[in-house]
């Protein structure tokens, strides 16, 4: 699976979040920055991302993913 496929899926589902997807060939790292994460605890943020990725996970196409989520203020260090 290519990072661009995951990126496209996330962008289609949550277009107001800025996404970045990278891989080392084995693991994928997904980073999302958006106001959609404001007021959500870490578990709720993960659930939001997994909701989009679940079809890939259940099919076995995606099995190792690290998720980092931020509001724009958190990313800016404010």
C-alpha atoms as a PDB file:
ATOM      1  CA  UNK A   1       0.000   0.000   0.000  1.00  0.00           C
ATOM      2  CA  UNK A   2       1.285   3.441  -0.926  1.00  0.00           C
ATOM      3  CA  UNK A   3       1.088   6.436   1.424  1.00  0.00           C
ATOM      4  CA  UNK A   4      -0.814   8.285  -1.307  1.00  0.00           C
ATOM      5  CA  UNK A   5      -3.680   5.765  -1.039  1.00  0.00           C
ATOM      6  CA  UNK A   6      -4.030   6.355   2.697  1.00  0.00           C
ATOM      7  CA  UNK A   7      -3.695  10.101   2.211  1.00  0.00           C
ATOM      8  CA  UNK A   8      -6.455  10.113  -0.399  1.00  0.00           C
ATOM      9  CA  UNK A   9      -8.774   8.133   1.869  1.00  0.00           C
ATOM     10  CA  UNK A  10      -8.200  10.504   4.794  1.00  0.00           C
ATOM     11  CA  UNK A  11      -8.566  13.636   2.651  1.00  0.00           C
ATOM     12  CA  UNK A  12     -11.827  12.368   1.173  1.00  0.00           C
ATOM     13  CA  UNK A  13     -13.279  11.598   4.604  1.00  0.00           C
ATOM     14  CA  UNK A  14     -11.933  14.654   6.457  1.00  0.00           C
ATOM     15  CA  UNK A  15     -11.070  17.389   3.938  1.00  0.00           C
ATOM     16  CA  UNK A  16     -10.761  20.090   6.625  1.00  0.00           C
ATOM     17  CA  UNK A  17      -7.806  18.324   8.257  1.00  0.00           C
ATOM     18  CA  UNK A  18      -4.282  18.700   6.891  1.00  0.00           C
ATOM     19  CA  UNK A  19      -2.870  15.186   6.551  1.00  0.00           C
ATOM     20  CA  UNK A  20       0.622  13.828   6.133  1.00  0.00           C
ATOM     21  CA  UNK A  21       1.336  10.126   5.597  1.00  0.00           C
ATOM     22  CA  UNK A  22       4.810   8.583   5.580  1.00  0.00           C
ATOM     23  CA  UNK A  23       6.169   5.059   5.617  1.00  0.00           C
ATOM     24  CA  UNK A  24       9.460   3.319   6.207  1.00  0.00           C
ATOM     25  CA  UNK A  25       8.236   0.402   4.127  1.00  0.00           C
ATOM     26  CA  UNK A  26       6.762  -1.462   7.092  1.00  0.00           C
ATOM     27  CA  UNK A  27       5.016   1.064   9.303  1.00  0.00           C
ATOM     28  CA  UNK A  28       2.874   4.026   8.369  1.00  0.00           C
ATOM     29  CA  UNK A  29       2.854   7.283  10.276  1.00  0.00           C
ATOM     30  CA  UNK A  30      -0.250   9.419   9.892  1.00  0.00           C
ATOM     31  CA  UNK A  31      -0.311  12.993  11.118  1.00  0.00           C
ATOM     32  CA  UNK A  32      -3.418  15.141  11.098  1.00  0.00           C
ATOM     33  CA  UNK A  33      -3.682  18.830  11.958  1.00  0.00           C
ATOM     34  CA  UNK A  34      -7.091  20.418  12.200  1.00  0.00           C
ATOM     35  CA  UNK A  35      -9.704  22.085  14.354  1.00  0.00           C
ATOM     36  CA  UNK A  36     -11.697  18.838  14.179  1.00  0.00           C
ATOM     37  CA  UNK A  37      -9.457  17.572  16.991  1.00  0.00           C
ATOM     38  CA  UNK A  38     -10.265  20.474  19.332  1.00  0.00           C
ATOM     39  CA  UNK A  39     -11.979  19.297  22.483  1.00  0.00           C
ATOM     40  CA  UNK A  40     -11.327  15.611  21.778  1.00  0.00           C
ATOM     41  CA  UNK A  41      -9.217  13.493  24.098  1.00  0.00           C
ATOM     42  CA  UNK A  42      -6.502  11.232  22.686  1.00  0.00           C
ATOM     43  CA  UNK A  43      -8.799   8.203  22.418  1.00  0.00           C
ATOM     44  CA  UNK A  44     -11.499  10.118  20.539  1.00  0.00           C
ATOM     45  CA  UNK A  45      -8.898  11.526  18.157  1.00  0.00           C
ATOM     46  CA  UNK A  46      -7.583   8.032  17.427  1.00  0.00           C
ATOM     47  CA  UNK A  47     -11.128   6.758  16.901  1.00  0.00           C
ATOM     48  CA  UNK A  48     -11.797   9.537  14.392  1.00  0.00           C
ATOM     49  CA  UNK A  49      -8.783   8.499  12.319  1.00  0.00           C
ATOM     50  CA  UNK A  50      -9.440   4.765  12.682  1.00  0.00           C
ATOM     51  CA  UNK A  51     -12.994   5.302  11.419  1.00  0.00           C
ATOM     52  CA  UNK A  52     -11.506   6.256   8.053  1.00  0.00           C
ATOM     53  CA  UNK A  53      -8.779   3.598   8.085  1.00  0.00           C
ATOM     54  CA  UNK A  54     -10.876   0.689   9.361  1.00  0.00           C
ATOM     55  CA  UNK A  55     -11.653  -0.801   5.913  1.00  0.00           C
ATOM     56  CA  UNK A  56      -7.906  -1.014   5.201  1.00  0.00           C
ATOM     57  CA  UNK A  57      -7.186  -2.491   8.621  1.00  0.00           C
ATOM     58  CA  UNK A  58      -9.917  -5.130   8.475  1.00  0.00           C
ATOM     59  CA  UNK A  59      -8.853  -6.172   4.967  1.00  0.00           C
ATOM     60  CA  UNK A  60      -5.264  -6.580   6.135  1.00  0.00           C
ATOM     61  CA  UNK A  61      -3.952  -3.968   3.692  1.00  0.00           C
ATOM     62  CA  UNK A  62      -2.875  -1.770   6.615  1.00  0.00           C
ATOM     63  CA  UNK A  63      -1.653  -3.261   9.858  1.00  0.00           C
ATOM     64  CA  UNK A  64       0.985  -1.006  11.401  1.00  0.00           C
ATOM     65  CA  UNK A  65       0.070   2.629  11.811  1.00  0.00           C
ATOM     66  CA  UNK A  66       1.190   5.353  14.182  1.00  0.00           C
ATOM     67  CA  UNK A  67      -1.277   8.212  14.503  1.00  0.00           C
ATOM     68  CA  UNK A  68      -0.426  11.717  15.689  1.00  0.00           C
ATOM     69  CA  UNK A  69      -3.118  14.371  15.835  1.00  0.00           C
ATOM     70  CA  UNK A  70      -2.975  18.053  16.651  1.00  0.00           C
ATOM     71  CA  UNK A  71      -5.068  21.173  16.574  1.00  0.00           C
ATOM     72  CA  UNK A  72      -3.342  23.993  14.662  1.00  0.00           C
ATOM     73  CA  UNK A  73      -2.481  25.697  17.982  1.00  0.00           C
ATOM     74  CA  UNK A  74      -0.961  22.495  19.372  1.00  0.00           C
ATOM     75  CA  UNK A  75       1.123  22.007  16.240  1.00  0.00           C
ATOM     76  CA  UNK A  76       2.334  25.605  16.429  1.00  0.00           C
ATOM     77  CA  UNK A  77       3.315  25.071  20.059  1.00  0.00           C
ATOM     78  CA  UNK A  78       0.917  27.698  21.342  1.00  0.00           C
END
